[in-house]
Amino acid sequence: MPVADRSSPERDVGFYFALAQTGVEMVVPIAIGAFLDNRYGWSPWATAVGAVLGLAGGLWHMLLMIKRNEERQRSQPPRDST
């Protein structure tokens, strides 16, 4: 019975979807800030804070995922070209 390759295309697609999720993590705080600005008349402060928090959190999460992916790839044995 063959052993499943740890760097299968399905795993790679899952990784790319997880990276795309960080884009959502960046946009949601901005949307919440815009909602708070409209609701309480704080314009533009809540949106600005949401943008800063979303950018910082999204980039941190993206870098963490990329680092974990690189470590996982380094720990894998090299593939045979045959």
Protein backbone atom coordinates (compact mmCIF):
# COMPACT_ATOMS: atom_id res chain seq x y z
CA MET A 1 0.00 0.00 0.00
CA PRO A 2 1.60 3.32 -1.04
CA VAL A 3 2.13 6.00 1.54
CA ALA A 4 0.35 9.29 0.84
CA ASP A 5 2.68 12.11 -0.12
CA ARG A 6 2.61 14.81 2.56
CA SER A 7 2.86 17.60 -0.02
CA SER A 8 -0.15 16.53 -2.03
CA PRO A 9 -1.99 19.00 -4.25
CA GLU A 10 -4.96 18.83 -1.87
CA ARG A 11 -2.76 19.92 1.04
CA ASP A 12 -1.31 22.74 -1.04
CA VAL A 13 -4.78 23.98 -2.03
CA GLY A 14 -5.78 23.92 1.63
CA PHE A 15 -2.74 26.00 2.49
CA TYR A 16 -3.59 28.56 -0.19
CA PHE A 17 -7.19 28.80 1.04
CA ALA A 18 -5.86 29.39 4.56
CA LEU A 19 -3.66 32.18 3.22
CA ALA A 20 -6.68 33.71 1.48
CA GLN A 21 -8.50 33.63 4.80
CA THR A 22 -6.02 36.17 6.13
CA GLY A 23 -7.45 38.63 3.62
CA VAL A 24 -10.82 38.22 5.29
CA GLU A 25 -9.15 38.69 8.67
CA MET A 26 -7.82 42.02 7.42
CA VAL A 27 -11.17 43.26 6.07
CA VAL A 28 -13.49 42.32 8.95
CA PRO A 29 -11.97 44.79 11.48
CA ILE A 30 -12.33 47.58 8.91
CA ALA A 31 -16.00 46.69 8.38
CA ILE A 32 -16.60 46.62 12.12
CA GLY A 33 -14.90 49.99 12.45
CA ALA A 34 -17.03 51.45 9.66
CA PHE A 35 -20.15 50.13 11.36
CA LEU A 36 -19.12 51.70 14.68
CA ASP A 37 -18.30 54.98 12.93
CA ASN A 38 -21.75 55.12 11.37
CA ARG A 39 -23.51 54.02 14.55
CA TYR A 40 -21.79 56.35 17.02
CA GLY A 41 -20.50 59.15 14.76
CA TRP A 42 -16.83 58.49 15.54
CA SER A 43 -15.79 58.88 11.93
CA PRO A 44 -13.04 58.08 10.90
CA TRP A 45 -11.40 56.79 14.09
CA ALA A 46 -12.93 53.33 14.47
CA THR A 47 -12.29 52.57 10.80
CA ALA A 48 -8.67 53.70 11.13
CA VAL A 49 -8.16 51.57 14.24
CA GLY A 50 -9.81 48.61 12.49
CA ALA A 51 -7.51 49.06 9.50
CA VAL A 52 -4.40 49.07 11.68
CA LEU A 53 -5.53 46.08 13.75
CA GLY A 54 -6.65 44.14 10.67
CA LEU A 55 -3.39 44.77 8.84
CA ALA A 56 -1.23 43.86 11.83
CA GLY A 57 -3.24 40.76 12.72
CA GLY A 58 -3.56 39.53 9.15
CA LEU A 59 0.13 39.97 8.36
CA TRP A 60 1.15 38.29 11.63
CA HIS A 61 -1.11 35.32 10.91
CA MET A 62 0.10 35.08 7.29
CA LEU A 63 3.76 35.13 8.31
CA LEU A 64 3.09 32.50 10.99
CA MET A 65 1.41 30.20 8.45
CA ILE A 66 4.20 30.66 5.91
CA LYS A 67 6.81 29.86 8.55
CA ARG A 68 4.96 26.69 9.59
CA ASN A 69 4.63 25.62 5.95
CA GLU A 70 8.36 26.13 5.33
CA GLU A 71 9.22 24.11 8.45
CA ARG A 72 6.89 21.32 7.31
CA GLN A 73 8.50 21.26 3.87
CA ARG A 74 12.02 21.19 5.35
CA SER A 75 11.14 18.22 7.53
CA GLN A 76 9.88 16.17 4.57
CA PRO A 77 12.24 13.78 2.82
CA PRO A 78 13.12 14.79 -0.75
CA ARG A 79 10.84 13.41 -3.44
CA ASP A 80 12.08 10.92 -6.00
CA SER A 81 12.02 12.24 -9.55
CA THR A 82 11.22 8.82 -10.95
